[in-house]
């Protein structure tokens, strides 16, 4: 009975680690496709924003009026790992469409500072990015304190009372010295192949040791 249980455990472990390796291969392909999509968007000609030709990572020009009263603060880290917030502000453009504009990153102590809303222009350049499903391990958004950890289109529309777009435009031209524009970079971390090799190696090692001890017995 113990021998049967041990065999089942071994085969279950091999299947588990092979499954993990296969999942990493799937994630690798997804990451490569994403990098290709980002590069294609960044290499594209900049166009004036229009919802009829919008696509992920398209470079756009746009202008409008910010609604600072409906501004939200998305918790994030800067490139050095310092905690702060991305400022995401609704903007009404001349077609009456409401855009969500990521104006950039600020330090934590600037979250209620009115000077972050000072602008010198209504004309901007940015990169369009679709709101995707949030990481399930992130904390829930604190809507009462207006502290967000992920973007959820239903919560955004409920909180702002606006029929906002399903895209966020990341401003690329700096307009306020207190705000660091978020750069869209195709050089994403990609360790999926390494993880896949690791899981497959573990599965192979278990199989080799199992066959060795079985032959020895």
C-alpha atoms as a PDB file:
ATOM      1  CA  UNK A   1       0.000   0.000   0.000  1.00  0.00           C
ATOM      2  CA  UNK A   2       2.831   2.385   0.883  1.00  0.00           C
ATOM      3  CA  UNK A   3       4.523   1.590  -2.424  1.00  0.00           C
ATOM      4  CA  UNK A   4       1.350   2.412  -4.374  1.00  0.00           C
ATOM      5  CA  UNK A   5       0.888   5.661  -2.430  1.00  0.00           C
ATOM      6  CA  UNK A   6       4.508   6.613  -3.085  1.00  0.00           C
ATOM      7  CA  UNK A   7       4.136   5.904  -6.823  1.00  0.00           C
ATOM      8  CA  UNK A   8       1.009   8.027  -6.977  1.00  0.00           C
ATOM      9  CA  UNK A   9       2.799  10.847  -5.157  1.00  0.00           C
ATOM     10  CA  UNK A  10       5.753  10.689  -7.561  1.00  0.00           C
ATOM     11  CA  UNK A  11       3.608  10.713 -10.690  1.00  0.00           C
ATOM     12  CA  UNK A  12       1.429  13.487  -9.284  1.00  0.00           C
ATOM     13  CA  UNK A  13       4.562  15.569  -8.571  1.00  0.00           C
ATOM     14  CA  UNK A  14       5.893  15.014 -12.103  1.00  0.00           C
ATOM     15  CA  UNK A  15       2.569  16.036 -13.647  1.00  0.00           C
ATOM     16  CA  UNK A  16       2.389  19.088 -11.372  1.00  0.00           C
ATOM     17  CA  UNK A  17       5.880  20.370 -12.229  1.00  0.00           C
ATOM     18  CA  UNK A  18       5.385  19.678 -15.945  1.00  0.00           C
ATOM     19  CA  UNK A  19       2.139  21.652 -15.784  1.00  0.00           C
ATOM     20  CA  UNK A  20       3.946  24.549 -14.128  1.00  0.00           C
ATOM     21  CA  UNK A  21       6.599  24.451 -16.840  1.00  0.00           C
ATOM     22  CA  UNK A  22       3.967  24.431 -19.586  1.00  0.00           C
ATOM     23  CA  UNK A  23       2.203  27.380 -17.942  1.00  0.00           C
ATOM     24  CA  UNK A  24       5.460  29.335 -18.010  1.00  0.00           C
ATOM     25  CA  UNK A  25       5.867  28.562 -21.716  1.00  0.00           C
ATOM     26  CA  UNK A  26       2.378  29.960 -22.268  1.00  0.00           C
ATOM     27  CA  UNK A  27       3.293  33.061 -20.261  1.00  0.00           C
ATOM     28  CA  UNK A  28       6.519  33.415 -22.255  1.00  0.00           C
ATOM     29  CA  UNK A  29       4.592  33.530 -25.524  1.00  0.00           C
ATOM     30  CA  UNK A  30       2.124  36.011 -24.022  1.00  0.00           C
ATOM     31  CA  UNK A  31       4.992  38.255 -22.885  1.00  0.00           C
ATOM     32  CA  UNK A  32       6.695  38.100 -26.308  1.00  0.00           C
ATOM     33  CA  UNK A  33       3.433  39.041 -28.025  1.00  0.00           C
ATOM     34  CA  UNK A  34       2.976  41.927 -25.566  1.00  0.00           C
ATOM     35  CA  UNK A  35       6.487  43.251 -26.200  1.00  0.00           C
ATOM     36  CA  UNK A  36       5.855  43.049 -29.951  1.00  0.00           C
ATOM     37  CA  UNK A  37       2.577  44.951 -29.530  1.00  0.00           C
ATOM     38  CA  UNK A  38       4.234  47.671 -27.431  1.00  0.00           C
ATOM     39  CA  UNK A  39       7.101  48.101 -29.911  1.00  0.00           C
ATOM     40  CA  UNK A  40       4.656  48.328 -32.807  1.00  0.00           C
ATOM     41  CA  UNK A  41       2.690  51.019 -30.974  1.00  0.00           C
ATOM     42  CA  UNK A  42       5.781  53.016 -30.008  1.00  0.00           C
ATOM     43  CA  UNK A  43       7.049  52.882 -33.598  1.00  0.00           C
ATOM     44  CA  UNK A  44       3.735  54.107 -34.969  1.00  0.00           C
ATOM     45  CA  UNK A  45       3.087  57.618 -36.255  1.00  0.00           C
ATOM     46  CA  UNK A  46       1.482  59.879 -33.679  1.00  0.00           C
ATOM     47  CA  UNK A  47      -2.167  60.655 -34.504  1.00  0.00           C
ATOM     48  CA  UNK A  48      -4.942  62.780 -33.036  1.00  0.00           C
ATOM     49  CA  UNK A  49      -7.028  60.775 -30.604  1.00  0.00           C
ATOM     50  CA  UNK A  50     -10.268  59.364 -31.957  1.00  0.00           C
ATOM     51  CA  UNK A  51     -12.272  56.482 -30.537  1.00  0.00           C
ATOM     52  CA  UNK A  52     -12.817  55.201 -34.079  1.00  0.00           C
ATOM     53  CA  UNK A  53      -9.139  54.355 -34.593  1.00  0.00           C
ATOM     54  CA  UNK A  54      -7.982  53.742 -31.042  1.00  0.00           C
ATOM     55  CA  UNK A  55      -5.740  50.745 -30.358  1.00  0.00           C
ATOM     56  CA  UNK A  56      -3.423  49.560 -27.633  1.00  0.00           C
ATOM     57  CA  UNK A  57      -0.133  51.492 -27.298  1.00  0.00           C
ATOM     58  CA  UNK A  58      -0.998  53.927 -30.088  1.00  0.00           C
ATOM     59  CA  UNK A  59       0.761  57.288 -29.781  1.00  0.00           C
ATOM     60  CA  UNK A  60      -1.773  60.102 -29.753  1.00  0.00           C
ATOM     61  CA  UNK A  61      -2.183  63.853 -29.477  1.00  0.00           C
ATOM     62  CA  UNK A  62      -5.163  65.079 -27.503  1.00  0.00           C
ATOM     63  CA  UNK A  63      -6.555  68.136 -25.767  1.00  0.00           C
ATOM     64  CA  UNK A  64      -9.399  68.935 -23.428  1.00  0.00           C
ATOM     65  CA  UNK A  65     -10.383  70.073 -19.959  1.00  0.00           C
ATOM     66  CA  UNK A  66      -9.367  68.138 -16.846  1.00  0.00           C
ATOM     67  CA  UNK A  67     -11.924  67.371 -14.142  1.00  0.00           C
ATOM     68  CA  UNK A  68      -9.700  67.578 -11.063  1.00  0.00           C
ATOM     69  CA  UNK A  69     -12.649  66.967  -8.706  1.00  0.00           C
ATOM     70  CA  UNK A  70     -12.921  63.402 -10.047  1.00  0.00           C
ATOM     71  CA  UNK A  71      -9.178  62.747  -9.936  1.00  0.00           C
ATOM     72  CA  UNK A  72      -8.040  59.430  -8.447  1.00  0.00           C
ATOM     73  CA  UNK A  73      -4.768  58.296  -6.891  1.00  0.00           C
ATOM     74  CA  UNK A  74      -3.332  54.920  -7.878  1.00  0.00           C
ATOM     75  CA  UNK A  75      -0.697  53.578  -5.468  1.00  0.00           C
ATOM     76  CA  UNK A  76       2.533  52.738  -7.287  1.00  0.00           C
ATOM     77  CA  UNK A  77       6.312  52.772  -7.059  1.00  0.00           C
ATOM     78  CA  UNK A  78       8.679  54.875  -9.123  1.00  0.00           C
ATOM     79  CA  UNK A  79      11.646  53.443 -11.041  1.00  0.00           C
ATOM     80  CA  UNK A  80      13.740  53.503  -7.842  1.00  0.00           C
ATOM     81  CA  UNK A  81      11.122  51.699  -5.762  1.00  0.00           C
ATOM     82  CA  UNK A  82       9.907  54.755  -3.840  1.00  0.00           C
ATOM     83  CA  UNK A  83       6.192  54.625  -2.906  1.00  0.00           C
ATOM     84  CA  UNK A  84       3.860  57.219  -4.332  1.00  0.00           C
ATOM     85  CA  UNK A  85       0.837  57.607  -6.584  1.00  0.00           C
ATOM     86  CA  UNK A  86      -0.047  57.790 -10.236  1.00  0.00           C
ATOM     87  CA  UNK A  87      -2.451  60.660 -10.811  1.00  0.00           C
ATOM     88  CA  UNK A  88      -5.333  59.648 -13.071  1.00  0.00           C
ATOM     89  CA  UNK A  89      -7.589  62.496 -14.110  1.00  0.00           C
ATOM     90  CA  UNK A  90     -10.732  62.445 -16.273  1.00  0.00           C
ATOM     91  CA  UNK A  91     -10.584  64.788 -19.258  1.00  0.00           C
ATOM     92  CA  UNK A  92     -13.467  65.950 -21.402  1.00  0.00           C
ATOM     93  CA  UNK A  93     -12.502  66.393 -25.053  1.00  0.00           C
ATOM     94  CA  UNK A  94     -14.337  68.312 -27.771  1.00  0.00           C
ATOM     95  CA  UNK A  95     -16.371  65.246 -28.805  1.00  0.00           C
ATOM     96  CA  UNK A  96     -17.735  65.106 -25.216  1.00  0.00           C
ATOM     97  CA  UNK A  97     -15.957  61.804 -24.647  1.00  0.00           C
ATOM     98  CA  UNK A  98     -14.400  61.372 -21.199  1.00  0.00           C
ATOM     99  CA  UNK A  99     -10.804  60.122 -21.274  1.00  0.00           C
ATOM    100  CA  UNK A 100      -8.824  58.777 -18.360  1.00  0.00           C
ATOM    101  CA  UNK A 101      -5.419  60.435 -18.363  1.00  0.00           C
ATOM    102  CA  UNK A 102      -2.467  59.140 -16.348  1.00  0.00           C
ATOM    103  CA  UNK A 103      -0.608  62.386 -15.779  1.00  0.00           C
ATOM    104  CA  UNK A 104       2.322  60.670 -14.047  1.00  0.00           C
ATOM    105  CA  UNK A 105       3.786  59.771 -10.659  1.00  0.00           C
ATOM    106  CA  UNK A 106       3.999  61.913  -7.523  1.00  0.00           C
ATOM    107  CA  UNK A 107       5.523  61.444  -4.073  1.00  0.00           C
ATOM    108  CA  UNK A 108       3.197  60.292  -1.298  1.00  0.00           C
ATOM    109  CA  UNK A 109       3.259  63.617   0.538  1.00  0.00           C
ATOM    110  CA  UNK A 110       1.952  65.472  -2.539  1.00  0.00           C
ATOM    111  CA  UNK A 111      -1.329  63.597  -2.735  1.00  0.00           C
ATOM    112  CA  UNK A 112      -3.414  66.538  -1.445  1.00  0.00           C
ATOM    113  CA  UNK A 113      -1.184  69.309  -2.737  1.00  0.00           C
ATOM    114  CA  UNK A 114      -3.190  71.532  -5.098  1.00  0.00           C
ATOM    115  CA  UNK A 115      -0.045  72.541  -6.975  1.00  0.00           C
ATOM    116  CA  UNK A 116      -0.021  69.152  -8.741  1.00  0.00           C
ATOM    117  CA  UNK A 117      -3.049  70.354 -10.703  1.00  0.00           C
ATOM    118  CA  UNK A 118      -1.319  73.382 -12.164  1.00  0.00           C
ATOM    119  CA  UNK A 119      -0.989  73.022 -15.933  1.00  0.00           C
ATOM    120  CA  UNK A 120       0.414  75.322 -18.601  1.00  0.00           C
ATOM    121  CA  UNK A 121      -1.263  73.724 -21.607  1.00  0.00           C
ATOM    122  CA  UNK A 122      -4.327  71.762 -22.667  1.00  0.00           C
ATOM    123  CA  UNK A 123      -2.473  70.024 -25.494  1.00  0.00           C
ATOM    124  CA  UNK A 124      -0.785  66.737 -24.696  1.00  0.00           C
ATOM    125  CA  UNK A 125       0.922  63.749 -26.235  1.00  0.00           C
ATOM    126  CA  UNK A 126       0.479  60.289 -24.814  1.00  0.00           C
ATOM    127  CA  UNK A 127       0.250  56.540 -25.288  1.00  0.00           C
ATOM    128  CA  UNK A 128      -3.040  54.668 -25.154  1.00  0.00           C
ATOM    129  CA  UNK A 129      -3.272  51.581 -22.956  1.00  0.00           C
ATOM    130  CA  UNK A 130      -6.346  49.451 -22.356  1.00  0.00           C
ATOM    131  CA  UNK A 131      -7.439  48.756 -18.785  1.00  0.00           C
ATOM    132  CA  UNK A 132      -6.857  45.066 -18.137  1.00  0.00           C
ATOM    133  CA  UNK A 133      -8.013  42.677 -15.436  1.00  0.00           C
ATOM    134  CA  UNK A 134      -6.275  43.483 -12.163  1.00  0.00           C
ATOM    135  CA  UNK A 135      -3.986  41.191 -10.207  1.00  0.00           C
ATOM    136  CA  UNK A 136      -6.185  39.240  -7.720  1.00  0.00           C
ATOM    137  CA  UNK A 137      -3.481  39.516  -5.054  1.00  0.00           C
ATOM    138  CA  UNK A 138      -3.657  43.314  -4.886  1.00  0.00           C
ATOM    139  CA  UNK A 139      -5.576  44.937  -2.003  1.00  0.00           C
ATOM    140  CA  UNK A 140      -9.084  46.234  -2.571  1.00  0.00           C
ATOM    141  CA  UNK A 141      -9.437  49.860  -3.578  1.00  0.00           C
ATOM    142  CA  UNK A 142     -10.273  52.248  -0.734  1.00  0.00           C
ATOM    143  CA  UNK A 143     -12.866  54.400  -2.470  1.00  0.00           C
ATOM    144  CA  UNK A 144     -13.684  56.426   0.652  1.00  0.00           C
ATOM    145  CA  UNK A 145     -10.081  57.631   0.931  1.00  0.00           C
ATOM    146  CA  UNK A 146      -9.632  57.696  -2.855  1.00  0.00           C
ATOM    147  CA  UNK A 147      -6.675  55.318  -2.646  1.00  0.00           C
ATOM    148  CA  UNK A 148      -6.579  52.824  -5.506  1.00  0.00           C
ATOM    149  CA  UNK A 149      -4.426  49.736  -6.011  1.00  0.00           C
ATOM    150  CA  UNK A 150      -5.823  48.674  -9.374  1.00  0.00           C
ATOM    151  CA  UNK A 151      -8.064  50.097 -12.076  1.00  0.00           C
ATOM    152  CA  UNK A 152     -11.496  48.556 -12.414  1.00  0.00           C
ATOM    153  CA  UNK A 153     -13.713  50.106 -15.068  1.00  0.00           C
ATOM    154  CA  UNK A 154     -16.945  49.510 -13.129  1.00  0.00           C
ATOM    155  CA  UNK A 155     -15.537  51.057  -9.949  1.00  0.00           C
ATOM    156  CA  UNK A 156     -14.112  53.962 -11.931  1.00  0.00           C
ATOM    157  CA  UNK A 157     -17.481  54.734 -13.498  1.00  0.00           C
ATOM    158  CA  UNK A 158     -19.253  54.347 -10.168  1.00  0.00           C
ATOM    159  CA  UNK A 159     -16.777  56.548  -8.282  1.00  0.00           C
ATOM    160  CA  UNK A 160     -16.548  59.335 -10.852  1.00  0.00           C
ATOM    161  CA  UNK A 161     -20.146  59.151 -12.072  1.00  0.00           C
ATOM    162  CA  UNK A 162     -18.744  59.438 -15.592  1.00  0.00           C
ATOM    163  CA  UNK A 163     -18.927  57.097 -18.578  1.00  0.00           C
ATOM    164  CA  UNK A 164     -15.151  56.979 -18.867  1.00  0.00           C
ATOM    165  CA  UNK A 165     -13.276  55.220 -21.656  1.00  0.00           C
ATOM    166  CA  UNK A 166     -11.878  51.700 -21.180  1.00  0.00           C
ATOM    167  CA  UNK A 167      -8.453  53.083 -22.043  1.00  0.00           C
ATOM    168  CA  UNK A 168      -5.965  55.155 -20.083  1.00  0.00           C
ATOM    169  CA  UNK A 169      -3.745  57.637 -21.903  1.00  0.00           C
ATOM    170  CA  UNK A 170      -0.273  57.971 -20.394  1.00  0.00           C
ATOM    171  CA  UNK A 171       0.951  61.543 -20.815  1.00  0.00           C
ATOM    172  CA  UNK A 172       4.506  61.668 -22.197  1.00  0.00           C
ATOM    173  CA  UNK A 173       5.228  65.405 -22.269  1.00  0.00           C
ATOM    174  CA  UNK A 174       6.104  66.910 -18.885  1.00  0.00           C
ATOM    175  CA  UNK A 175       3.812  69.771 -17.888  1.00  0.00           C
ATOM    176  CA  UNK A 176       4.301  69.993 -14.113  1.00  0.00           C
ATOM    177  CA  UNK A 177       7.691  69.708 -12.379  1.00  0.00           C
ATOM    178  CA  UNK A 178       6.146  67.793  -9.459  1.00  0.00           C
ATOM    179  CA  UNK A 179       4.880  65.022 -11.735  1.00  0.00           C
ATOM    180  CA  UNK A 180       7.019  62.388 -13.462  1.00  0.00           C
ATOM    181  CA  UNK A 181       5.378  61.093 -16.656  1.00  0.00           C
ATOM    182  CA  UNK A 182       5.047  57.319 -16.775  1.00  0.00           C
ATOM    183  CA  UNK A 183       7.137  55.949 -19.616  1.00  0.00           C
ATOM    184  CA  UNK A 184       5.851  52.966 -21.573  1.00  0.00           C
ATOM    185  CA  UNK A 185       8.811  50.641 -22.093  1.00  0.00           C
ATOM    186  CA  UNK A 186       8.909  47.427 -24.167  1.00  0.00           C
ATOM    187  CA  UNK A 187      11.839  46.139 -22.093  1.00  0.00           C
ATOM    188  CA  UNK A 188       9.661  44.150 -19.714  1.00  0.00           C
ATOM    189  CA  UNK A 189      11.052  41.603 -17.219  1.00  0.00           C
ATOM    190  CA  UNK A 190      10.863  38.196 -18.855  1.00  0.00           C
ATOM    191  CA  UNK A 191      12.054  35.220 -16.813  1.00  0.00           C
ATOM    192  CA  UNK A 192       9.398  32.780 -17.986  1.00  0.00           C
ATOM    193  CA  UNK A 193      11.816  30.608 -19.994  1.00  0.00           C
ATOM    194  CA  UNK A 194      14.099  30.282 -16.977  1.00  0.00           C
ATOM    195  CA  UNK A 195      11.158  29.315 -14.770  1.00  0.00           C
ATOM    196  CA  UNK A 196       9.946  26.791 -17.357  1.00  0.00           C
ATOM    197  CA  UNK A 197      13.369  25.131 -17.527  1.00  0.00           C
ATOM    198  CA  UNK A 198      13.468  25.016 -13.718  1.00  0.00           C
ATOM    199  CA  UNK A 199      10.085  23.282 -13.399  1.00  0.00           C
ATOM    200  CA  UNK A 200      10.821  20.816 -16.198  1.00  0.00           C
ATOM    201  CA  UNK A 201      14.227  20.058 -14.618  1.00  0.00           C
ATOM    202  CA  UNK A 202      12.592  19.344 -11.264  1.00  0.00           C
ATOM    203  CA  UNK A 203      10.113  16.980 -12.961  1.00  0.00           C
ATOM    204  CA  UNK A 204      12.929  15.208 -14.840  1.00  0.00           C
ATOM    205  CA  UNK A 205      15.024  14.889 -11.670  1.00  0.00           C
ATOM    206  CA  UNK A 206      12.127  13.295  -9.797  1.00  0.00           C
ATOM    207  CA  UNK A 207      11.575  10.846 -12.659  1.00  0.00           C
ATOM    208  CA  UNK A 208      15.273   9.896 -12.829  1.00  0.00           C
ATOM    209  CA  UNK A 209      15.545   9.326  -9.071  1.00  0.00           C
ATOM    210  CA  UNK A 210      12.309   7.346  -9.089  1.00  0.00           C
ATOM    211  CA  UNK A 211      13.514   5.055 -11.882  1.00  0.00           C
ATOM    212  CA  UNK A 212      16.917   4.682 -10.207  1.00  0.00           C
ATOM    213  CA  UNK A 213      15.505   3.564  -6.844  1.00  0.00           C
ATOM    214  CA  UNK A 214      12.925   1.359  -8.520  1.00  0.00           C
ATOM    215  CA  UNK A 215      15.653  -0.424 -10.482  1.00  0.00           C
ATOM    216  CA  UNK A 216      17.794  -0.718  -7.350  1.00  0.00           C
ATOM    217  CA  UNK A 217      14.971  -2.360  -5.457  1.00  0.00           C
END
